[in-house]
Amino acid sequence: MIIGIGSDLSDIRRIQASLDRFGDRFRHRVFTELERTRSDRKADAAASYAKRFAAKEACAKALGTGMRRGVFWRDMGVVNMRSGQPTMQLTGGALKRLEEITPPV
């Protein structure tokens, strides 16, 4: 069942500029601890952060809220399955919103 669809692109240069300008403040506000750990291990950390940022934007669109109604950046985390496939792990306001829009089984 498809509940919502979201799509987004992120310019790596823009994310790199935010990392350069705001550093840890940007990382800690937007990304989960797991995302920071995984991205900081990459040779091109900005590209990894940009992918995760785009996924979060797409998720917020699919939830129908954007970054409001109690949905915050760190409520949406990109986690990888054992196969490497990326998935979203929702907590806080993002999880609450998903539960609100998911029909009962």
PDB file of N, CA and C in Angstrom:
ATOM      1  N   MET A   1       0.832  -1.166   0.000  1.00  0.00           N
ATOM      2  CA  MET A   1       0.000   0.000   0.000  1.00  0.00           C
ATOM      3  C   MET A   1       0.887   1.244   0.000  1.00  0.00           C
ATOM      4  N   ILE A   2       0.621   2.144  -0.896  1.00  0.00           N
ATOM      5  CA  ILE A   2       1.350   3.416  -0.948  1.00  0.00           C
ATOM      6  C   ILE A   2       0.546   4.447  -0.165  1.00  0.00           C
ATOM      7  N   ILE A   3       1.181   5.041   0.819  1.00  0.00           N
ATOM      8  CA  ILE A   3       0.520   6.039   1.656  1.00  0.00           C
ATOM      9  C   ILE A   3       0.871   7.443   1.197  1.00  0.00           C
ATOM     10  N   GLY A   4       2.103   7.659   0.772  1.00  0.00           N
ATOM     11  CA  GLY A   4       2.549   8.961   0.306  1.00  0.00           C
ATOM     12  C   GLY A   4       3.787   8.798  -0.541  1.00  0.00           C
ATOM     13  N   ILE A   5       4.007   9.749  -1.418  1.00  0.00           N
ATOM     14  CA  ILE A   5       5.168   9.723  -2.291  1.00  0.00           C
ATOM     15  C   ILE A   5       5.925  11.034  -2.118  1.00  0.00           C
ATOM     16  N   GLY A   6       7.243  10.926  -2.045  1.00  0.00           N
ATOM     17  CA  GLY A   6       8.078  12.113  -1.940  1.00  0.00           C
ATOM     18  C   GLY A   6       9.325  11.934  -2.777  1.00  0.00           C
ATOM     19  N   SER A   7       9.801  13.021  -3.336  1.00  0.00           N
ATOM     20  CA  SER A   7      11.013  12.989  -4.149  1.00  0.00           C
ATOM     21  C   SER A   7      11.799  14.264  -3.881  1.00  0.00           C
ATOM     22  N   ASP A   8      13.120  14.145  -3.919  1.00  0.00           N
ATOM     23  CA  ASP A   8      13.925  15.336  -3.692  1.00  0.00           C
ATOM     24  C   ASP A   8      15.339  15.114  -4.211  1.00  0.00           C
ATOM     25  N   LEU A   9      15.979  16.177  -4.589  1.00  0.00           N
ATOM     26  CA  LEU A   9      17.384  16.187  -4.973  1.00  0.00           C
ATOM     27  C   LEU A   9      18.107  17.147  -4.043  1.00  0.00           C
ATOM     28  N   SER A  10      19.376  16.916  -3.844  1.00  0.00           N
ATOM     29  CA  SER A  10      20.154  17.803  -2.991  1.00  0.00           C
ATOM     30  C   SER A  10      21.489  18.098  -3.668  1.00  0.00           C
ATOM     31  N   ASP A  11      21.846  19.352  -3.729  1.00  0.00           N
ATOM     32  CA  ASP A  11      23.099  19.782  -4.341  1.00  0.00           C
ATOM     33  C   ASP A  11      24.241  19.569  -3.337  1.00  0.00           C
ATOM     34  N   ILE A  12      25.180  18.709  -3.700  1.00  0.00           N
ATOM     35  CA  ILE A  12      26.297  18.398  -2.808  1.00  0.00           C
ATOM     36  C   ILE A  12      27.056  19.673  -2.422  1.00  0.00           C
ATOM     37  N   ARG A  13      27.195  20.597  -3.359  1.00  0.00           N
ATOM     38  CA  ARG A  13      27.919  21.848  -3.054  1.00  0.00           C
ATOM     39  C   ARG A  13      27.213  22.645  -1.963  1.00  0.00           C
ATOM     40  N   ARG A  14      25.889  22.627  -1.971  1.00  0.00           N
ATOM     41  CA  ARG A  14      25.125  23.352  -0.962  1.00  0.00           C
ATOM     42  C   ARG A  14      25.320  22.712   0.418  1.00  0.00           C
ATOM     43  N   ILE A  15      25.300  21.381   0.448  1.00  0.00           N
ATOM     44  CA  ILE A  15      25.514  20.686   1.712  1.00  0.00           C
ATOM     45  C   ILE A  15      26.943  20.925   2.204  1.00  0.00           C
ATOM     46  N   GLN A  16      27.918  20.892   1.292  1.00  0.00           N
ATOM     47  CA  GLN A  16      29.306  21.153   1.674  1.00  0.00           C
ATOM     48  C   GLN A  16      29.444  22.561   2.256  1.00  0.00           C
ATOM     49  N   ALA A  17      28.754  23.524   1.653  1.00  0.00           N
ATOM     50  CA  ALA A  17      28.793  24.900   2.163  1.00  0.00           C
ATOM     51  C   ALA A  17      28.217  24.976   3.577  1.00  0.00           C
ATOM     52  N   SER A  18      27.143  24.242   3.836  1.00  0.00           N
ATOM     53  CA  SER A  18      26.552  24.217   5.179  1.00  0.00           C
ATOM     54  C   SER A  18      27.485  23.547   6.176  1.00  0.00           C
ATOM     55  N   LEU A  19      28.131  22.458   5.736  1.00  0.00           N
ATOM     56  CA  LEU A  19      29.099  21.789   6.613  1.00  0.00           C
ATOM     57  C   LEU A  19      30.268  22.720   6.933  1.00  0.00           C
ATOM     58  N   ASP A  20      30.746  23.439   5.925  1.00  0.00           N
ATOM     59  CA  ASP A  20      31.863  24.370   6.132  1.00  0.00           C
ATOM     60  C   ASP A  20      31.468  25.530   7.039  1.00  0.00           C
ATOM     61  N   ARG A  21      30.288  26.044   6.835  1.00  0.00           N
ATOM     62  CA  ARG A  21      29.865  27.236   7.576  1.00  0.00           C
ATOM     63  C   ARG A  21      29.416  26.924   9.002  1.00  0.00           C
ATOM     64  N   PHE A  22      28.630  25.841   9.152  1.00  0.00           N
ATOM     65  CA  PHE A  22      28.020  25.563  10.452  1.00  0.00           C
ATOM     66  C   PHE A  22      28.591  24.333  11.164  1.00  0.00           C
ATOM     67  N   GLY A  23      29.343  23.501  10.453  1.00  0.00           N
ATOM     68  CA  GLY A  23      30.016  22.352  11.053  1.00  0.00           C
ATOM     69  C   GLY A  23      29.116  21.447  11.872  1.00  0.00           C
ATOM     70  N   ASP A  24      29.542  21.194  13.115  1.00  0.00           N
ATOM     71  CA  ASP A  24      28.805  20.273  13.982  1.00  0.00           C
ATOM     72  C   ASP A  24      27.392  20.753  14.287  1.00  0.00           C
ATOM     73  N   ARG A  25      27.196  22.048  14.315  1.00  0.00           N
ATOM     74  CA  ARG A  25      25.852  22.580  14.581  1.00  0.00           C
ATOM     75  C   ARG A  25      24.872  22.072  13.525  1.00  0.00           C
ATOM     76  N   PHE A  26      25.263  22.110  12.263  1.00  0.00           N
ATOM     77  CA  PHE A  26      24.436  21.606  11.162  1.00  0.00           C
ATOM     78  C   PHE A  26      24.291  20.086  11.267  1.00  0.00           C
ATOM     79  N   ARG A  27      25.388  19.395  11.461  1.00  0.00           N
ATOM     80  CA  ARG A  27      25.358  17.923  11.556  1.00  0.00           C
ATOM     81  C   ARG A  27      24.418  17.449  12.663  1.00  0.00           C
ATOM     82  N   HIS A  28      24.536  18.059  13.841  1.00  0.00           N
ATOM     83  CA  HIS A  28      23.745  17.613  14.992  1.00  0.00           C
ATOM     84  C   HIS A  28      22.281  18.030  14.900  1.00  0.00           C
ATOM     85  N   ARG A  29      22.006  19.097  14.213  1.00  0.00           N
ATOM     86  CA  ARG A  29      20.611  19.534  14.085  1.00  0.00           C
ATOM     87  C   ARG A  29      19.840  18.678  13.092  1.00  0.00           C
ATOM     88  N   VAL A  30      20.511  18.234  12.028  1.00  0.00           N
ATOM     89  CA  VAL A  30      19.816  17.576  10.920  1.00  0.00           C
ATOM     90  C   VAL A  30      19.954  16.054  10.929  1.00  0.00           C
ATOM     91  N   PHE A  31      21.080  15.532  11.369  1.00  0.00           N
ATOM     92  CA  PHE A  31      21.369  14.112  11.192  1.00  0.00           C
ATOM     93  C   PHE A  31      21.427  13.359  12.511  1.00  0.00           C
ATOM     94  N   THR A  32      21.008  12.093  12.464  1.00  0.00           N
ATOM     95  CA  THR A  32      21.087  11.236  13.646  1.00  0.00           C
ATOM     96  C   THR A  32      22.542  10.852  13.908  1.00  0.00           C
ATOM     97  N   GLU A  33      22.791  10.314  15.079  1.00  0.00           N
ATOM     98  CA  GLU A  33      24.153   9.894  15.421  1.00  0.00           C
ATOM     99  C   GLU A  33      24.656   8.833  14.439  1.00  0.00           C
ATOM    100  N   LEU A  34      23.811   7.879  14.084  1.00  0.00           N
ATOM    101  CA  LEU A  34      24.201   6.837  13.134  1.00  0.00           C
ATOM    102  C   LEU A  34      24.539   7.435  11.766  1.00  0.00           C
ATOM    103  N   GLU A  35      23.736   8.388  11.317  1.00  0.00           N
ATOM    104  CA  GLU A  35      24.004   9.031  10.022  1.00  0.00           C
ATOM    105  C   GLU A  35      25.331   9.783  10.047  1.00  0.00           C
ATOM    106  N   ARG A  36      25.600  10.479  11.138  1.00  0.00           N
ATOM    107  CA  ARG A  36      26.864  11.214  11.249  1.00  0.00           C
ATOM    108  C   ARG A  36      28.048  10.257  11.229  1.00  0.00           C
ATOM    109  N   THR A  37      27.932   9.170  11.970  1.00  0.00           N
ATOM    110  CA  THR A  37      29.015   8.187  12.022  1.00  0.00           C
ATOM    111  C   THR A  37      29.296   7.612  10.641  1.00  0.00           C
ATOM    112  N   ARG A  38      28.242   7.205   9.940  1.00  0.00           N
ATOM    113  CA  ARG A  38      28.416   6.602   8.616  1.00  0.00           C
ATOM    114  C   ARG A  38      28.947   7.614   7.604  1.00  0.00           C
ATOM    115  N   SER A  39      28.418   8.821   7.615  1.00  0.00           N
ATOM    116  CA  SER A  39      28.830   9.829   6.634  1.00  0.00           C
ATOM    117  C   SER A  39      30.251  10.309   6.877  1.00  0.00           C
ATOM    118  N   ASP A  40      30.619  10.491   8.127  1.00  0.00           N
ATOM    119  CA  ASP A  40      31.955  10.990   8.440  1.00  0.00           C
ATOM    120  C   ASP A  40      33.057   9.983   8.093  1.00  0.00           C
ATOM    121  N   ARG A  41      32.702   8.714   7.958  1.00  0.00           N
ATOM    122  CA  ARG A  41      33.683   7.693   7.563  1.00  0.00           C
ATOM    123  C   ARG A  41      33.975   7.717   6.062  1.00  0.00           C
ATOM    124  N   LYS A  42      33.118   8.355   5.285  1.00  0.00           N
ATOM    125  CA  LYS A  42      33.262   8.371   3.827  1.00  0.00           C
ATOM    126  C   LYS A  42      34.317   9.382   3.395  1.00  0.00           C
ATOM    127  N   ALA A  43      34.994   9.059   2.287  1.00  0.00           N
ATOM    128  CA  ALA A  43      35.987   9.987   1.726  1.00  0.00           C
ATOM    129  C   ALA A  43      35.314  11.289   1.309  1.00  0.00           C
ATOM    130  N   ASP A  44      34.112  11.188   0.738  1.00  0.00           N
ATOM    131  CA  ASP A  44      33.347  12.368   0.332  1.00  0.00           C
ATOM    132  C   ASP A  44      32.129  12.488   1.242  1.00  0.00           C
ATOM    133  N   ALA A  45      32.361  12.950   2.461  1.00  0.00           N
ATOM    134  CA  ALA A  45      31.296  13.042   3.465  1.00  0.00           C
ATOM    135  C   ALA A  45      30.141  13.915   2.986  1.00  0.00           C
ATOM    136  N   ALA A  46      30.439  14.993   2.278  1.00  0.00           N
ATOM    137  CA  ALA A  46      29.369  15.893   1.823  1.00  0.00           C
ATOM    138  C   ALA A  46      28.387  15.163   0.913  1.00  0.00           C
ATOM    139  N   ALA A  47      28.865  14.285   0.058  1.00  0.00           N
ATOM    140  CA  ALA A  47      27.979  13.521  -0.834  1.00  0.00           C
ATOM    141  C   ALA A  47      27.083  12.599  -0.022  1.00  0.00           C
ATOM    142  N   SER A  48      27.634  11.962   0.996  1.00  0.00           N
ATOM    143  CA  SER A  48      26.851  11.083   1.856  1.00  0.00           C
ATOM    144  C   SER A  48      25.784  11.874   2.613  1.00  0.00           C
ATOM    145  N   TYR A  49      26.177  13.012   3.156  1.00  0.00           N
ATOM    146  CA  TYR A  49      25.205  13.868   3.849  1.00  0.00           C
ATOM    147  C   TYR A  49      24.129  14.366   2.886  1.00  0.00           C
ATOM    148  N   ALA A  50      24.498  14.706   1.671  1.00  0.00           N
ATOM    149  CA  ALA A  50      23.530  15.210   0.685  1.00  0.00           C
ATOM    150  C   ALA A  50      22.493  14.147   0.356  1.00  0.00           C
ATOM    151  N   LYS A  51      22.918  12.902   0.201  1.00  0.00           N
ATOM    152  CA  LYS A  51      21.968  11.811  -0.077  1.00  0.00           C
ATOM    153  C   LYS A  51      20.988  11.658   1.072  1.00  0.00           C
ATOM    154  N   ARG A  52      21.496  11.704   2.265  1.00  0.00           N
ATOM    155  CA  ARG A  52      20.640  11.550   3.442  1.00  0.00           C
ATOM    156  C   ARG A  52      19.691  12.742   3.598  1.00  0.00           C
ATOM    157  N   PHE A  53      20.187  13.938   3.305  1.00  0.00           N
ATOM    158  CA  PHE A  53      19.361  15.137   3.366  1.00  0.00           C
ATOM    159  C   PHE A  53      18.199  15.037   2.373  1.00  0.00           C
ATOM    160  N   ALA A  54      18.501  14.599   1.147  1.00  0.00           N
ATOM    161  CA  ALA A  54      17.463  14.448   0.119  1.00  0.00           C
ATOM    162  C   ALA A  54      16.432  13.410   0.546  1.00  0.00           C
ATOM    163  N   ALA A  55      16.882  12.322   1.152  1.00  0.00           N
ATOM    164  CA  ALA A  55      15.952  11.287   1.613  1.00  0.00           C
ATOM    165  C   ALA A  55      15.020  11.834   2.692  1.00  0.00           C
ATOM    166  N   LYS A  56      15.554  12.646   3.588  1.00  0.00           N
ATOM    167  CA  LYS A  56      14.739  13.239   4.644  1.00  0.00           C
ATOM    168  C   LYS A  56      13.697  14.196   4.061  1.00  0.00           C
ATOM    169  N   GLU A  57      14.113  15.009   3.100  1.00  0.00           N
ATOM    170  CA  GLU A  57      13.180  15.928   2.438  1.00  0.00           C
ATOM    171  C   GLU A  57      12.063  15.143   1.755  1.00  0.00           C
ATOM    172  N   ALA A  58      12.415  14.075   1.065  1.00  0.00           N
ATOM    173  CA  ALA A  58      11.418  13.248   0.375  1.00  0.00           C
ATOM    174  C   ALA A  58      10.473  12.607   1.384  1.00  0.00           C
ATOM    175  N   CYS A  59      11.002  12.147   2.492  1.00  0.00           N
ATOM    176  CA  CYS A  59      10.184  11.540   3.532  1.00  0.00           C
ATOM    177  C   CYS A  59       9.182  12.551   4.090  1.00  0.00           C
ATOM    178  N   ALA A  60       9.651  13.762   4.369  1.00  0.00           N
ATOM    179  CA  ALA A  60       8.768  14.803   4.904  1.00  0.00           C
ATOM    180  C   ALA A  60       7.650  15.128   3.912  1.00  0.00           C
ATOM    181  N   LYS A  61       7.963  15.099   2.624  1.00  0.00           N
ATOM    182  CA  LYS A  61       6.934  15.322   1.602  1.00  0.00           C
ATOM    183  C   LYS A  61       5.928  14.181   1.602  1.00  0.00           C
ATOM    184  N   ALA A  62       6.422  12.947   1.701  1.00  0.00           N
ATOM    185  CA  ALA A  62       5.533  11.786   1.711  1.00  0.00           C
ATOM    186  C   ALA A  62       4.618  11.802   2.939  1.00  0.00           C
ATOM    187  N   LEU A  63       5.113  12.311   4.056  1.00  0.00           N
ATOM    188  CA  LEU A  63       4.295  12.429   5.261  1.00  0.00           C
ATOM    189  C   LEU A  63       3.266  13.548   5.142  1.00  0.00           C
ATOM    190  N   GLY A  64       3.480  14.440   4.177  1.00  0.00           N
ATOM    191  CA  GLY A  64       2.534  15.539   3.952  1.00  0.00           C
ATOM    192  C   GLY A  64       2.705  16.698   4.902  1.00  0.00           C
ATOM    193  N   THR A  65       3.846  16.774   5.583  1.00  0.00           N
ATOM    194  CA  THR A  65       4.037  17.829   6.578  1.00  0.00           C
ATOM    195  C   THR A  65       5.171  18.785   6.249  1.00  0.00           C
ATOM    196  N   GLY A  66       6.166  18.310   5.509  1.00  0.00           N
ATOM    197  CA  GLY A  66       7.390  19.089   5.423  1.00  0.00           C
ATOM    198  C   GLY A  66       7.994  19.123   6.813  1.00  0.00           C
ATOM    199  N   MET A  67       8.706  20.172   7.120  1.00  0.00           N
ATOM    200  CA  MET A  67       9.346  20.295   8.432  1.00  0.00           C
ATOM    201  C   MET A  67       8.479  21.129   9.370  1.00  0.00           C
ATOM    202  N   ARG A  68       7.268  20.676   9.596  1.00  0.00           N
ATOM    203  CA  ARG A  68       6.368  21.349  10.532  1.00  0.00           C
ATOM    204  C   ARG A  68       5.439  20.307  11.151  1.00  0.00           C
ATOM    205  N   ARG A  69       4.534  20.746  11.954  1.00  0.00           N
ATOM    206  CA  ARG A  69       3.591  19.868  12.648  1.00  0.00           C
ATOM    207  C   ARG A  69       4.310  18.819  13.492  1.00  0.00           C
ATOM    208  N   GLY A  70       5.401  19.234  14.136  1.00  0.00           N
ATOM    209  CA  GLY A  70       6.111  18.345  15.044  1.00  0.00           C
ATOM    210  C   GLY A  70       7.085  17.388  14.397  1.00  0.00           C
ATOM    211  N   VAL A  71       7.316  17.523  13.090  1.00  0.00           N
ATOM    212  CA  VAL A  71       8.282  16.675  12.396  1.00  0.00           C
ATOM    213  C   VAL A  71       9.612  17.423  12.327  1.00  0.00           C
ATOM    214  N   PHE A  72      10.654  16.792  12.849  1.00  0.00           N
ATOM    215  CA  PHE A  72      11.977  17.394  12.876  1.00  0.00           C
ATOM    216  C   PHE A  72      12.958  16.537  12.085  1.00  0.00           C
ATOM    217  N   TRP A  73      14.060  17.148  11.671  1.00  0.00           N
ATOM    218  CA  TRP A  73      15.054  16.466  10.857  1.00  0.00           C
ATOM    219  C   TRP A  73      15.488  15.139  11.451  1.00  0.00           C
ATOM    220  N   ARG A  74      15.815  15.147  12.744  1.00  0.00           N
ATOM    221  CA  ARG A  74      16.351  13.932  13.353  1.00  0.00           C
ATOM    222  C   ARG A  74      15.278  12.895  13.657  1.00  0.00           C
ATOM    223  N   ASP A  75      14.008  13.217  13.385  1.00  0.00           N
ATOM    224  CA  ASP A  75      12.933  12.223  13.506  1.00  0.00           C
ATOM    225  C   ASP A  75      12.964  11.245  12.332  1.00  0.00           C
ATOM    226  N   MET A  76      13.743  11.563  11.313  1.00  0.00           N
ATOM    227  CA  MET A  76      13.841  10.720  10.122  1.00  0.00           C
ATOM    228  C   MET A  76      15.303  10.360   9.929  1.00  0.00           C
ATOM    229  N   GLY A  77      15.601   9.073  10.001  1.00  0.00           N
ATOM    230  CA  GLY A  77      16.986   8.651   9.857  1.00  0.00           C
ATOM    231  C   GLY A  77      17.123   7.615   8.760  1.00  0.00           C
ATOM    232  N   VAL A  78      18.137   7.783   7.938  1.00  0.00           N
ATOM    233  CA  VAL A  78      18.423   6.802   6.898  1.00  0.00           C
ATOM    234  C   VAL A  78      19.270   5.694   7.521  1.00  0.00           C
ATOM    235  N   VAL A  79      18.743   4.478   7.478  1.00  0.00           N
ATOM    236  CA  VAL A  79      19.477   3.308   7.970  1.00  0.00           C
ATOM    237  C   VAL A  79      19.533   2.289   6.840  1.00  0.00           C
ATOM    238  N   ASN A  80      20.581   1.496   6.847  1.00  0.00           N
ATOM    239  CA  ASN A  80      20.744   0.508   5.793  1.00  0.00           C
ATOM    240  C   ASN A  80      20.465  -0.894   6.325  1.00  0.00           C
ATOM    241  N   MET A  81      19.788  -1.671   5.482  1.00  0.00           N
ATOM    242  CA  MET A  81      19.562  -3.080   5.806  1.00  0.00           C
ATOM    243  C   MET A  81      20.884  -3.819   5.611  1.00  0.00           C
ATOM    244  N   ARG A  82      20.920  -5.069   6.014  1.00  0.00           N
ATOM    245  CA  ARG A  82      22.151  -5.861   5.843  1.00  0.00           C
ATOM    246  C   ARG A  82      22.602  -5.886   4.392  1.00  0.00           C
ATOM    247  N   SER A  83      21.646  -5.864   3.465  1.00  0.00           N
ATOM    248  CA  SER A  83      21.954  -5.894   2.031  1.00  0.00           C
ATOM    249  C   SER A  83      22.545  -4.578   1.539  1.00  0.00           C
ATOM    250  N   GLY A  84      22.458  -3.527   2.370  1.00  0.00           N
ATOM    251  CA  GLY A  84      22.919  -2.205   1.974  1.00  0.00           C
ATOM    252  C   GLY A  84      21.779  -1.299   1.522  1.00  0.00           C
ATOM    253  N   GLN A  85      20.600  -1.895   1.326  1.00  0.00           N
ATOM    254  CA  GLN A  85      19.437  -1.118   0.889  1.00  0.00           C
ATOM    255  C   GLN A  85      19.075  -0.062   1.933  1.00  0.00           C
ATOM    256  N   PRO A  86      18.957   1.193   1.508  1.00  0.00           N
ATOM    257  CA  PRO A  86      18.592   2.235   2.469  1.00  0.00           C
ATOM    258  C   PRO A  86      17.098   2.197   2.792  1.00  0.00           C
ATOM    259  N   THR A  87      16.784   2.450   4.048  1.00  0.00           N
ATOM    260  CA  THR A  87      15.403   2.551   4.511  1.00  0.00           C
ATOM    261  C   THR A  87      15.318   3.748   5.451  1.00  0.00           C
ATOM    262  N   MET A  88      14.116   4.144   5.790  1.00  0.00           N
ATOM    263  CA  MET A  88      13.919   5.247   6.729  1.00  0.00           C
ATOM    264  C   MET A  88      13.466   4.690   8.075  1.00  0.00           C
ATOM    265  N   GLN A  89      14.077   5.190   9.132  1.00  0.00           N
ATOM    266  CA  GLN A  89      13.657   4.866  10.486  1.00  0.00           C
ATOM    267  C   GLN A  89      13.050   6.136  11.064  1.00  0.00           C
ATOM    268  N   LEU A  90      11.770   6.069  11.405  1.00  0.00           N
ATOM    269  CA  LEU A  90      11.070   7.241  11.910  1.00  0.00           C
ATOM    270  C   LEU A  90      10.904   7.161  13.421  1.00  0.00           C
ATOM    271  N   THR A  91      11.050   8.307  14.066  1.00  0.00           N
ATOM    272  CA  THR A  91      10.839   8.431  15.503  1.00  0.00           C
ATOM    273  C   THR A  91      10.073   9.728  15.750  1.00  0.00           C
ATOM    274  N   GLY A  92       9.727   9.972  16.978  1.00  0.00           N
ATOM    275  CA  GLY A  92       9.122  11.250  17.368  1.00  0.00           C
ATOM    276  C   GLY A  92       7.935  11.655  16.521  1.00  0.00           C
ATOM    277  N   GLY A  93       7.930  12.925  16.103  1.00  0.00           N
ATOM    278  CA  GLY A  93       6.821  13.483  15.344  1.00  0.00           C
ATOM    279  C   GLY A  93       6.627  12.837  13.983  1.00  0.00           C
ATOM    280  N   ALA A  94       7.704  12.383  13.354  1.00  0.00           N
ATOM    281  CA  ALA A  94       7.576  11.724  12.048  1.00  0.00           C
ATOM    282  C   ALA A  94       6.847  10.393  12.193  1.00  0.00           C
ATOM    283  N   LEU A  95       7.181   9.636  13.218  1.00  0.00           N
ATOM    284  CA  LEU A  95       6.507   8.363  13.460  1.00  0.00           C
ATOM    285  C   LEU A  95       5.040   8.596  13.812  1.00  0.00           C
ATOM    286  N   LYS A  96       4.785   9.604  14.623  1.00  0.00           N
ATOM    287  CA  LYS A  96       3.402   9.927  14.992  1.00  0.00           C
ATOM    288  C   LYS A  96       2.591  10.278  13.751  1.00  0.00           C
ATOM    289  N   ARG A  97       3.172  11.068  12.856  1.00  0.00           N
ATOM    290  CA  ARG A  97       2.469  11.450  11.629  1.00  0.00           C
ATOM    291  C   ARG A  97       2.204  10.221  10.755  1.00  0.00           C
ATOM    292  N   LEU A  98       3.183   9.330  10.632  1.00  0.00           N
ATOM    293  CA  LEU A  98       2.987   8.111   9.850  1.00  0.00           C
ATOM    294  C   LEU A  98       1.835   7.296  10.421  1.00  0.00           C
ATOM    295  N   GLU A  99       1.788   7.177  11.726  1.00  0.00           N
ATOM    296  CA  GLU A  99       0.701   6.428  12.363  1.00  0.00           C
ATOM    297  C   GLU A  99      -0.651   7.082  12.099  1.00  0.00           C
ATOM    298  N   GLU A 100      -0.689   8.420  12.045  1.00  0.00           N
ATOM    299  CA  GLU A 100      -1.945   9.142  11.777  1.00  0.00           C
ATOM    300  C   GLU A 100      -2.464   8.878  10.359  1.00  0.00           C
ATOM    301  N   ILE A 101      -1.542   8.771   9.394  1.00  0.00           N
ATOM    302  CA  ILE A 101      -1.990   8.635   8.007  1.00  0.00           C
ATOM    303  C   ILE A 101      -2.066   7.183   7.526  1.00  0.00           C
ATOM    304  N   THR A 102      -1.615   6.239   8.367  1.00  0.00           N
ATOM    305  CA  THR A 102      -1.682   4.826   8.002  1.00  0.00           C
ATOM    306  C   THR A 102      -3.066   4.288   8.363  1.00  0.00           C
ATOM    307  N   PRO A 103      -3.783   3.729   7.369  1.00  0.00           N
ATOM    308  CA  PRO A 103      -5.105   3.165   7.673  1.00  0.00           C
ATOM    309  C   PRO A 103      -4.989   1.949   8.590  1.00  0.00           C
ATOM    310  N   PRO A 104      -5.985   1.723   9.421  1.00  0.00           N
ATOM    311  CA  PRO A 104      -5.951   0.539  10.291  1.00  0.00           C
ATOM    312  C   PRO A 104      -5.991  -0.748   9.456  1.00  0.00           C
ATOM    313  N   VAL A 105      -5.377  -1.778   9.997  1.00  0.00           N
ATOM    314  CA  VAL A 105      -5.312  -3.053   9.272  1.00  0.00           C
ATOM    315  C   VAL A 105      -6.557  -3.859   9.506  1.00  0.00           C
TER     316      VAL A 105
END
